Amino acid sequence: MVGFFLKIGLVLGLVITIHLGAVAPVAAAEDAQTQQAVEMLKDLDNLAGQAYAATNAGDFAKAEVYWTQLIDKFPENAAAWSNRGNARVGQNKPLEALPDYQKAIELAPEAPDPYLNRGVALEALGRWQAAIADYDKVLQLDPKDPLAFNNRGNAKAGQGNWEDALVDYLRAADLAPDYAFARANYALALYQLGHVDESIRAMKNLVRKYPKFADMRAALTAALWVQGNQGEAESQWASVVGLDARYKDIQWIKAIRRWPPAMAIALEKFLSLSS
């Protein structure tokens, strides 16, 4: 189930130390070293800024180029390795991303982000248990990380373990009340487990709070249609089409968004009968 998150961040890892009161030749040497360090920081900051801009624009291929340039200049920067992995996952290259995350973990074994990001790549490869192990590591390092709980729920859902996934989604939503996708995943898991009325209430609450939340409007469409509320279902669908046309593609729903089977079947019924 989508609704996972990659985390991006940058650790400069450079410290500039200036000593005052030295004799002139030593001071001159230190000034030169300080200037070199300043230039390195500027270079790093510039490359990182371009990489983030490309990422925000959805141009992950360009972001990968910038992160590679940064890695070439600063090979000990763990965040650069992790972020290049993210850029590769963004291009649907999860297998290529794994060595980057591994290098980031070697450089910064106590940093949670590379484990979280590697978990996402492992999920994309269907390696659910390995992904869960990485999310467990994140939670060992930060027991209150809502992204790790949500993503672990996704991996458990991938295994068909919807009861445990439900618990993780709720924990993520409770830790971060504005984390809409965690609450959405919770609503979808409720539907899969047969708690239909509770699921629909949760979906309606989300749509009320986030009117442009296409995922929940599409889910409501499916659930209401199956219940026989055709008029309300079609009203929800009119909004979905204007917000995100991908929900017309049932294969995208199943393989990329990874809705629970019961919810995907319900939407498939709507799409087949309403067309």
C-alpha atoms as a PDB file:
ATOM      1  CA  MET A   1       0.000   0.000   0.000  1.00  0.00           C
ATOM      2  CA  VAL A   2       1.313   3.383  -0.949  1.00  0.00           C
ATOM      3  CA  GLY A   3       1.372   6.018   1.723  1.00  0.00           C
ATOM      4  CA  PHE A   4       4.915   5.156   2.646  1.00  0.00           C
ATOM      5  CA  PHE A   5       7.465   7.939   2.854  1.00  0.00           C
ATOM      6  CA  LEU A   6      11.053   8.414   1.868  1.00  0.00           C
ATOM      7  CA  LYS A   7      12.891  10.865   4.067  1.00  0.00           C
ATOM      8  CA  ILE A   8      15.420  13.303   2.726  1.00  0.00           C
ATOM      9  CA  GLY A   9      17.968  15.222   4.693  1.00  0.00           C
ATOM     10  CA  LEU A  10      21.462  16.563   4.528  1.00  0.00           C
ATOM     11  CA  VAL A  11      24.210  16.261   7.084  1.00  0.00           C
ATOM     12  CA  LEU A  12      27.072  18.602   6.250  1.00  0.00           C
ATOM     13  CA  GLY A  13      29.597  16.798   8.423  1.00  0.00           C
ATOM     14  CA  LEU A  14      32.116  19.614   8.076  1.00  0.00           C
ATOM     15  CA  VAL A  15      33.446  21.621  10.998  1.00  0.00           C
ATOM     16  CA  ILE A  16      35.398  24.816  10.581  1.00  0.00           C
ATOM     17  CA  THR A  17      37.754  25.643  13.438  1.00  0.00           C
ATOM     18  CA  ILE A  18      39.436  29.036  13.598  1.00  0.00           C
ATOM     19  CA  HIS A  19      42.292  29.716  16.022  1.00  0.00           C
ATOM     20  CA  LEU A  20      43.040  33.314  16.992  1.00  0.00           C
ATOM     21  CA  GLY A  21      46.313  34.774  18.156  1.00  0.00           C
ATOM     22  CA  ALA A  22      48.700  32.580  16.116  1.00  0.00           C
ATOM     23  CA  VAL A  23      51.836  33.901  14.462  1.00  0.00           C
ATOM     24  CA  ALA A  24      51.402  35.305  10.958  1.00  0.00           C
ATOM     25  CA  PRO A  25      52.542  32.277   8.844  1.00  0.00           C
ATOM     26  CA  VAL A  26      50.326  29.898  10.839  1.00  0.00           C
ATOM     27  CA  ALA A  27      47.404  32.314  10.683  1.00  0.00           C
ATOM     28  CA  ALA A  28      47.811  32.599   6.923  1.00  0.00           C
ATOM     29  CA  ALA A  29      47.778  28.807   6.556  1.00  0.00           C
ATOM     30  CA  GLU A  30      44.700  28.527   8.729  1.00  0.00           C
ATOM     31  CA  ASP A  31      43.005  31.286   6.757  1.00  0.00           C
ATOM     32  CA  ALA A  32      43.640  29.325   3.574  1.00  0.00           C
ATOM     33  CA  GLN A  33      42.257  26.138   5.132  1.00  0.00           C
ATOM     34  CA  THR A  34      39.233  28.000   6.427  1.00  0.00           C
ATOM     35  CA  GLN A  35      38.568  29.517   3.009  1.00  0.00           C
ATOM     36  CA  GLN A  36      38.863  26.093   1.408  1.00  0.00           C
ATOM     37  CA  ALA A  37      36.388  24.658   3.913  1.00  0.00           C
ATOM     38  CA  VAL A  38      33.991  27.540   3.251  1.00  0.00           C
ATOM     39  CA  GLU A  39      34.198  26.886  -0.486  1.00  0.00           C
ATOM     40  CA  MET A  40      33.531  23.206   0.107  1.00  0.00           C
ATOM     41  CA  LEU A  41      30.463  24.070   2.164  1.00  0.00           C
ATOM     42  CA  LYS A  42      29.193  26.372  -0.563  1.00  0.00           C
ATOM     43  CA  ASP A  43      29.732  23.678  -3.177  1.00  0.00           C
ATOM     44  CA  LEU A  44      27.946  21.093  -1.078  1.00  0.00           C
ATOM     45  CA  ASP A  45      25.067  23.462  -0.331  1.00  0.00           C
ATOM     46  CA  ASN A  46      24.712  24.400  -3.993  1.00  0.00           C
ATOM     47  CA  LEU A  47      24.589  20.794  -5.207  1.00  0.00           C
ATOM     48  CA  ALA A  48      22.178  19.805  -2.455  1.00  0.00           C
ATOM     49  CA  GLY A  49      19.930  22.757  -3.279  1.00  0.00           C
ATOM     50  CA  GLN A  50      19.801  21.749  -6.940  1.00  0.00           C
ATOM     51  CA  ALA A  51      19.082  18.129  -5.967  1.00  0.00           C
ATOM     52  CA  TYR A  52      16.226  19.152  -3.682  1.00  0.00           C
ATOM     53  CA  ALA A  53      14.795  21.468  -6.347  1.00  0.00           C
ATOM     54  CA  ALA A  54      14.845  18.648  -8.903  1.00  0.00           C
ATOM     55  CA  THR A  55      13.201  16.309  -6.385  1.00  0.00           C
ATOM     56  CA  ASN A  56      10.460  18.823  -5.622  1.00  0.00           C
ATOM     57  CA  ALA A  57       9.849  19.175  -9.353  1.00  0.00           C
ATOM     58  CA  GLY A  58       9.538  15.391  -9.695  1.00  0.00           C
ATOM     59  CA  ASP A  59      12.655  15.167 -11.865  1.00  0.00           C
ATOM     60  CA  PHE A  60      14.301  12.272 -10.056  1.00  0.00           C
ATOM     61  CA  ALA A  61      16.752  11.548 -12.878  1.00  0.00           C
ATOM     62  CA  LYS A  62      18.215  15.046 -12.570  1.00  0.00           C
ATOM     63  CA  ALA A  63      18.226  14.733  -8.774  1.00  0.00           C
ATOM     64  CA  GLU A  64      20.236  11.526  -9.107  1.00  0.00           C
ATOM     65  CA  VAL A  65      22.839  13.357 -11.202  1.00  0.00           C
ATOM     66  CA  TYR A  66      23.244  16.057  -8.558  1.00  0.00           C
ATOM     67  CA  TRP A  67      23.480  13.562  -5.703  1.00  0.00           C
ATOM     68  CA  THR A  68      26.104  11.624  -7.661  1.00  0.00           C
ATOM     69  CA  GLN A  69      28.136  14.788  -8.117  1.00  0.00           C
ATOM     70  CA  LEU A  70      27.845  15.477  -4.405  1.00  0.00           C
ATOM     71  CA  ILE A  71      28.927  11.925  -3.551  1.00  0.00           C
ATOM     72  CA  ASP A  72      31.956  12.276  -5.845  1.00  0.00           C
ATOM     73  CA  LYS A  73      33.027  15.375  -3.909  1.00  0.00           C
ATOM     74  CA  PHE A  74      31.932  14.248  -0.419  1.00  0.00           C
ATOM     75  CA  PRO A  75      31.965  10.425  -0.379  1.00  0.00           C
ATOM     76  CA  GLU A  76      31.640  10.252   3.406  1.00  0.00           C
ATOM     77  CA  ASN A  77      28.319  12.120   3.458  1.00  0.00           C
ATOM     78  CA  ALA A  78      25.754   9.494   4.460  1.00  0.00           C
ATOM     79  CA  ALA A  79      22.748  11.668   3.636  1.00  0.00           C
ATOM     80  CA  ALA A  80      23.906  12.112   0.034  1.00  0.00           C
ATOM     81  CA  TRP A  81      24.026   8.329  -0.435  1.00  0.00           C
ATOM     82  CA  SER A  82      20.587   7.895   1.122  1.00  0.00           C
ATOM     83  CA  ASN A  83      19.098  10.684  -0.983  1.00  0.00           C
ATOM     84  CA  ARG A  84      20.554   9.266  -4.190  1.00  0.00           C
ATOM     85  CA  GLY A  85      18.850   6.017  -3.259  1.00  0.00           C
ATOM     86  CA  ASN A  86      15.607   7.977  -2.920  1.00  0.00           C
ATOM     87  CA  ALA A  87      16.105   9.470  -6.380  1.00  0.00           C
ATOM     88  CA  ARG A  88      16.555   5.971  -7.802  1.00  0.00           C
ATOM     89  CA  VAL A  89      13.431   4.683  -6.050  1.00  0.00           C
ATOM     90  CA  GLY A  90      11.601   7.684  -7.509  1.00  0.00           C
ATOM     91  CA  GLN A  91      12.584   6.381 -10.959  1.00  0.00           C
ATOM     92  CA  ASN A  92      11.319   2.900 -10.077  1.00  0.00           C
ATOM     93  CA  LYS A  93      14.857   1.561  -9.690  1.00  0.00           C
ATOM     94  CA  PRO A  94      14.650   0.063  -6.179  1.00  0.00           C
ATOM     95  CA  LEU A  95      17.280  -2.617  -6.804  1.00  0.00           C
ATOM     96  CA  GLU A  96      19.828   0.034  -7.807  1.00  0.00           C
ATOM     97  CA  ALA A  97      18.956   2.037  -4.712  1.00  0.00           C
ATOM     98  CA  LEU A  98      19.831  -0.725  -2.232  1.00  0.00           C
ATOM     99  CA  PRO A  99      23.657  -0.302  -2.417  1.00  0.00           C
ATOM    100  CA  ASP A 100      23.242   3.433  -1.791  1.00  0.00           C
ATOM    101  CA  TYR A 101      21.236   2.811   1.358  1.00  0.00           C
ATOM    102  CA  GLN A 102      23.716   0.187   2.499  1.00  0.00           C
ATOM    103  CA  LYS A 103      26.571   2.688   2.113  1.00  0.00           C
ATOM    104  CA  ALA A 104      24.601   5.310   4.030  1.00  0.00           C
ATOM    105  CA  ILE A 105      24.000   2.817   6.842  1.00  0.00           C
ATOM    106  CA  GLU A 106      27.694   1.930   6.965  1.00  0.00           C
ATOM    107  CA  LEU A 107      28.578   5.623   7.270  1.00  0.00           C
ATOM    108  CA  ALA A 108      25.844   6.474   9.792  1.00  0.00           C
ATOM    109  CA  PRO A 109      24.592   3.278  11.483  1.00  0.00           C
ATOM    110  CA  GLU A 110      22.607   5.188  14.123  1.00  0.00           C
ATOM    111  CA  ALA A 111      20.724   7.394  11.642  1.00  0.00           C
ATOM    112  CA  PRO A 112      17.143   6.145  11.130  1.00  0.00           C
ATOM    113  CA  ASP A 113      16.469   7.623   7.674  1.00  0.00           C
ATOM    114  CA  PRO A 114      18.549   5.196   5.556  1.00  0.00           C
ATOM    115  CA  TYR A 115      16.797   2.225   7.182  1.00  0.00           C
ATOM    116  CA  LEU A 116      13.396   3.802   6.557  1.00  0.00           C
ATOM    117  CA  ASN A 117      14.277   4.546   2.938  1.00  0.00           C
ATOM    118  CA  ARG A 118      15.736   1.098   2.333  1.00  0.00           C
ATOM    119  CA  GLY A 119      12.521  -0.379   3.703  1.00  0.00           C
ATOM    120  CA  VAL A 120      10.590   1.448   0.997  1.00  0.00           C
ATOM    121  CA  ALA A 121      12.865   0.015  -1.701  1.00  0.00           C
ATOM    122  CA  LEU A 122      12.517  -3.474  -0.250  1.00  0.00           C
ATOM    123  CA  GLU A 123       8.734  -3.105  -0.274  1.00  0.00           C
ATOM    124  CA  ALA A 124       8.859  -2.159  -3.946  1.00  0.00           C
ATOM    125  CA  LEU A 125      10.701  -5.443  -4.533  1.00  0.00           C
ATOM    126  CA  GLY A 126       8.097  -7.395  -2.545  1.00  0.00           C
ATOM    127  CA  ARG A 127      10.639  -8.289   0.146  1.00  0.00           C
ATOM    128  CA  TRP A 128       8.193  -7.729   2.967  1.00  0.00           C
ATOM    129  CA  GLN A 129      10.061  -9.326   5.857  1.00  0.00           C
ATOM    130  CA  ALA A 130      13.293  -7.521   5.068  1.00  0.00           C
ATOM    131  CA  ALA A 131      11.371  -4.244   4.889  1.00  0.00           C
ATOM    132  CA  ILE A 132       9.764  -4.953   8.263  1.00  0.00           C
ATOM    133  CA  ALA A 133      13.216  -5.574   9.741  1.00  0.00           C
ATOM    134  CA  ASP A 134      14.349  -2.144   8.554  1.00  0.00           C
ATOM    135  CA  TYR A 135      11.248  -0.458   9.990  1.00  0.00           C
ATOM    136  CA  ASP A 136      11.810  -2.295  13.254  1.00  0.00           C
ATOM    137  CA  LYS A 137      15.333  -0.838  13.301  1.00  0.00           C
ATOM    138  CA  VAL A 138      13.944   2.663  12.771  1.00  0.00           C
ATOM    139  CA  LEU A 139      11.572   2.164  15.697  1.00  0.00           C
ATOM    140  CA  GLN A 140      14.423   0.880  17.818  1.00  0.00           C
ATOM    141  CA  LEU A 141      16.265   4.136  17.109  1.00  0.00           C
ATOM    142  CA  ASP A 142      13.141   6.312  17.332  1.00  0.00           C
ATOM    143  CA  PRO A 143      10.169   4.561  18.976  1.00  0.00           C
ATOM    144  CA  LYS A 144       7.785   7.369  18.035  1.00  0.00           C
ATOM    145  CA  ASP A 145       8.451   7.637  14.303  1.00  0.00           C
ATOM    146  CA  PRO A 146       5.007   7.695  12.615  1.00  0.00           C
ATOM    147  CA  LEU A 147       6.467   7.060   9.156  1.00  0.00           C
ATOM    148  CA  ALA A 148       8.037   3.817  10.332  1.00  0.00           C
ATOM    149  CA  PHE A 149       4.756   2.623  11.843  1.00  0.00           C
ATOM    150  CA  ASN A 150       2.827   3.459   8.661  1.00  0.00           C
ATOM    151  CA  ASN A 151       5.399   1.839   6.401  1.00  0.00           C
ATOM    152  CA  ARG A 152       5.617  -1.248   8.590  1.00  0.00           C
ATOM    153  CA  GLY A 153       1.844  -1.460   8.267  1.00  0.00           C
ATOM    154  CA  ASN A 154       2.269  -1.363   4.481  1.00  0.00           C
ATOM    155  CA  ALA A 155       4.754  -4.228   4.587  1.00  0.00           C
ATOM    156  CA  LYS A 156       2.530  -6.287   6.867  1.00  0.00           C
ATOM    157  CA  ALA A 157      -0.378  -5.615   4.520  1.00  0.00           C
ATOM    158  CA  GLY A 158       1.831  -6.884   1.699  1.00  0.00           C
ATOM    159  CA  GLN A 159       2.088 -10.144   3.644  1.00  0.00           C
ATOM    160  CA  GLY A 160      -1.702 -10.215   4.026  1.00  0.00           C
ATOM    161  CA  ASN A 161      -1.432  -9.570   7.754  1.00  0.00           C
ATOM    162  CA  TRP A 162      -4.175  -6.948   7.925  1.00  0.00           C
ATOM    163  CA  GLU A 163      -4.811  -7.189  11.663  1.00  0.00           C
ATOM    164  CA  ASP A 164      -1.245  -6.203  12.541  1.00  0.00           C
ATOM    165  CA  ALA A 165      -1.205  -3.624   9.746  1.00  0.00           C
ATOM    166  CA  LEU A 166      -4.299  -2.016  11.255  1.00  0.00           C
ATOM    167  CA  VAL A 167      -2.514  -1.635  14.603  1.00  0.00           C
ATOM    168  CA  ASP A 168       0.504   0.015  12.970  1.00  0.00           C
ATOM    169  CA  TYR A 169      -1.624   2.417  10.926  1.00  0.00           C
ATOM    170  CA  LEU A 170      -3.530   3.506  14.015  1.00  0.00           C
ATOM    171  CA  ARG A 171      -0.301   4.009  15.936  1.00  0.00           C
ATOM    172  CA  ALA A 172       1.078   6.176  13.116  1.00  0.00           C
ATOM    173  CA  ALA A 173      -2.115   8.242  12.974  1.00  0.00           C
ATOM    174  CA  ASP A 174      -2.185   8.709  16.744  1.00  0.00           C
ATOM    175  CA  LEU A 175       1.449   9.857  16.789  1.00  0.00           C
ATOM    176  CA  ALA A 176       0.841  12.338  13.959  1.00  0.00           C
ATOM    177  CA  PRO A 177      -2.842  13.393  13.878  1.00  0.00           C
ATOM    178  CA  ASP A 178      -2.386  15.305  10.602  1.00  0.00           C
ATOM    179  CA  TYR A 179      -0.774  12.303   8.872  1.00  0.00           C
ATOM    180  CA  ALA A 180      -3.687  11.827   6.481  1.00  0.00           C
ATOM    181  CA  PHE A 181      -2.325   8.801   4.644  1.00  0.00           C
ATOM    182  CA  ALA A 182      -1.844   6.834   7.849  1.00  0.00           C
ATOM    183  CA  ARG A 183      -5.477   7.486   8.759  1.00  0.00           C
ATOM    184  CA  ALA A 184      -6.504   6.581   5.198  1.00  0.00           C
ATOM    185  CA  ASN A 185      -4.582   3.317   5.352  1.00  0.00           C
ATOM    186  CA  TYR A 186      -6.306   2.593   8.654  1.00  0.00           C
ATOM    187  CA  ALA A 187      -9.705   3.152   7.027  1.00  0.00           C
ATOM    188  CA  LEU A 188      -8.836   0.835   4.129  1.00  0.00           C
ATOM    189  CA  ALA A 189      -7.591  -1.873   6.483  1.00  0.00           C
ATOM    190  CA  LEU A 190     -10.855  -1.636   8.418  1.00  0.00           C
ATOM    191  CA  TYR A 191     -12.727  -2.282   5.168  1.00  0.00           C
ATOM    192  CA  GLN A 192     -10.561  -5.300   4.368  1.00  0.00           C
ATOM    193  CA  LEU A 193     -11.282  -6.727   7.819  1.00  0.00           C
ATOM    194  CA  GLY A 194     -15.045  -6.375   7.341  1.00  0.00           C
ATOM    195  CA  HIS A 195     -15.609  -3.308   9.538  1.00  0.00           C
ATOM    196  CA  VAL A 196     -17.430  -1.582   6.707  1.00  0.00           C
ATOM    197  CA  ASP A 197     -19.497   0.999   8.610  1.00  0.00           C
ATOM    198  CA  GLU A 198     -16.515   2.074  10.715  1.00  0.00           C
ATOM    199  CA  SER A 199     -14.385   2.273   7.595  1.00  0.00           C
ATOM    200  CA  ILE A 200     -16.887   4.484   5.776  1.00  0.00           C
ATOM    201  CA  ARG A 201     -17.159   6.790   8.782  1.00  0.00           C
ATOM    202  CA  ALA A 202     -13.374   7.159   8.826  1.00  0.00           C
ATOM    203  CA  MET A 203     -13.310   7.873   5.079  1.00  0.00           C
ATOM    204  CA  LYS A 204     -16.037  10.510   5.374  1.00  0.00           C
ATOM    205  CA  ASN A 205     -14.194  12.196   8.224  1.00  0.00           C
ATOM    206  CA  LEU A 206     -11.065  12.392   6.097  1.00  0.00           C
ATOM    207  CA  VAL A 207     -12.923  13.786   3.091  1.00  0.00           C
ATOM    208  CA  ARG A 208     -14.573  16.356   5.322  1.00  0.00           C
ATOM    209  CA  LYS A 209     -11.176  17.444   6.642  1.00  0.00           C
ATOM    210  CA  TYR A 210      -9.326  17.119   3.323  1.00  0.00           C
ATOM    211  CA  PRO A 211     -11.834  17.788   0.498  1.00  0.00           C
ATOM    212  CA  LYS A 212      -9.214  17.204  -2.214  1.00  0.00           C
ATOM    213  CA  PHE A 213      -8.083  13.821  -0.857  1.00  0.00           C
ATOM    214  CA  ALA A 214      -8.662  11.797  -4.034  1.00  0.00           C
ATOM    215  CA  ASP A 215      -7.696   8.485  -2.444  1.00  0.00           C
ATOM    216  CA  MET A 216     -10.462   8.616   0.131  1.00  0.00           C
ATOM    217  CA  ARG A 217     -13.045   9.950  -2.305  1.00  0.00           C
ATOM    218  CA  ALA A 218     -12.269   7.019  -4.607  1.00  0.00           C
ATOM    219  CA  ALA A 219     -12.520   4.576  -1.706  1.00  0.00           C
ATOM    220  CA  LEU A 220     -15.827   6.113  -0.638  1.00  0.00           C
ATOM    221  CA  THR A 221     -17.061   5.775  -4.200  1.00  0.00           C
ATOM    222  CA  ALA A 222     -16.366   2.053  -4.139  1.00  0.00           C
ATOM    223  CA  ALA A 223     -17.750   1.415  -0.658  1.00  0.00           C
ATOM    224  CA  LEU A 224     -20.937   3.433  -1.226  1.00  0.00           C
ATOM    225  CA  TRP A 225     -21.552   1.829  -4.630  1.00  0.00           C
ATOM    226  CA  VAL A 226     -21.359  -1.664  -3.141  1.00  0.00           C
ATOM    227  CA  GLN A 227     -23.810  -0.563  -0.437  1.00  0.00           C
ATOM    228  CA  GLY A 228     -26.270   0.578  -3.103  1.00  0.00           C
ATOM    229  CA  ASN A 229     -25.810   4.323  -2.547  1.00  0.00           C
ATOM    230  CA  GLN A 230     -25.280   4.982  -6.231  1.00  0.00           C
ATOM    231  CA  GLY A 231     -26.053   8.684  -6.250  1.00  0.00           C
ATOM    232  CA  GLU A 232     -23.626   9.483  -3.442  1.00  0.00           C
ATOM    233  CA  ALA A 233     -21.016   7.197  -4.974  1.00  0.00           C
ATOM    234  CA  GLU A 234     -21.215   8.941  -8.341  1.00  0.00           C
ATOM    235  CA  SER A 235     -20.991  12.326  -6.621  1.00  0.00           C
ATOM    236  CA  GLN A 236     -17.749  11.274  -4.948  1.00  0.00           C
ATOM    237  CA  TRP A 237     -16.413   9.917  -8.221  1.00  0.00           C
ATOM    238  CA  ALA A 238     -17.024  13.198 -10.048  1.00  0.00           C
ATOM    239  CA  SER A 239     -14.561  14.808  -7.633  1.00  0.00           C
ATOM    240  CA  VAL A 240     -12.032  11.970  -7.995  1.00  0.00           C
ATOM    241  CA  VAL A 241     -11.839  12.312 -11.769  1.00  0.00           C
ATOM    242  CA  GLY A 242     -11.046  15.985 -11.448  1.00  0.00           C
ATOM    243  CA  LEU A 243      -8.386  15.379  -8.808  1.00  0.00           C
ATOM    244  CA  ASP A 244      -6.463  12.287  -9.923  1.00  0.00           C
ATOM    245  CA  ALA A 245      -7.235  10.292 -13.051  1.00  0.00           C
ATOM    246  CA  ARG A 246      -5.034   7.378 -11.947  1.00  0.00           C
ATOM    247  CA  TYR A 247      -7.947   5.987  -9.941  1.00  0.00           C
ATOM    248  CA  LYS A 248      -9.578   4.987 -13.225  1.00  0.00           C
ATOM    249  CA  ASP A 249      -6.779   2.412 -13.648  1.00  0.00           C
ATOM    250  CA  ILE A 250      -7.568  -0.648 -11.537  1.00  0.00           C
ATOM    251  CA  GLN A 251      -4.109  -2.112 -12.184  1.00  0.00           C
ATOM    252  CA  TRP A 252      -2.511   1.019 -10.718  1.00  0.00           C
ATOM    253  CA  ILE A 253      -4.820   0.652  -7.716  1.00  0.00           C
ATOM    254  CA  LYS A 254      -3.736  -2.949  -7.164  1.00  0.00           C
ATOM    255  CA  ALA A 255      -0.031  -2.826  -8.006  1.00  0.00           C
ATOM    256  CA  ILE A 256       1.101   0.710  -7.152  1.00  0.00           C
ATOM    257  CA  ARG A 257      -1.371   2.173  -4.674  1.00  0.00           C
ATOM    258  CA  ARG A 258      -1.818  -1.318  -3.257  1.00  0.00           C
ATOM    259  CA  TRP A 259      -5.319  -1.019  -1.904  1.00  0.00           C
ATOM    260  CA  PRO A 260      -6.578  -4.010   0.103  1.00  0.00           C
ATOM    261  CA  PRO A 261      -8.170  -6.679  -2.129  1.00  0.00           C
ATOM    262  CA  ALA A 262     -11.722  -6.068  -0.853  1.00  0.00           C
ATOM    263  CA  MET A 263     -11.484  -2.345  -1.567  1.00  0.00           C
ATOM    264  CA  ALA A 264      -9.945  -2.880  -5.007  1.00  0.00           C
ATOM    265  CA  ILE A 265     -12.698  -5.353  -5.925  1.00  0.00           C
ATOM    266  CA  ALA A 266     -15.339  -2.850  -4.825  1.00  0.00           C
ATOM    267  CA  LEU A 267     -13.872  -0.122  -7.040  1.00  0.00           C
ATOM    268  CA  GLU A 268     -13.534  -2.561  -9.931  1.00  0.00           C
ATOM    269  CA  LYS A 269     -17.247  -3.277  -9.652  1.00  0.00           C
ATOM    270  CA  PHE A 270     -18.010   0.422  -9.771  1.00  0.00           C
ATOM    271  CA  LEU A 271     -15.771   0.998 -12.781  1.00  0.00           C
ATOM    272  CA  SER A 272     -17.252  -1.940 -14.704  1.00  0.00           C
ATOM    273  CA  LEU A 273     -20.907  -1.222 -13.913  1.00  0.00           C
ATOM    274  CA  SER A 274     -20.866   2.567 -14.138  1.00  0.00           C
ATOM    275  CA  SER A 275     -19.099   2.753 -17.496  1.00  0.00           C
END
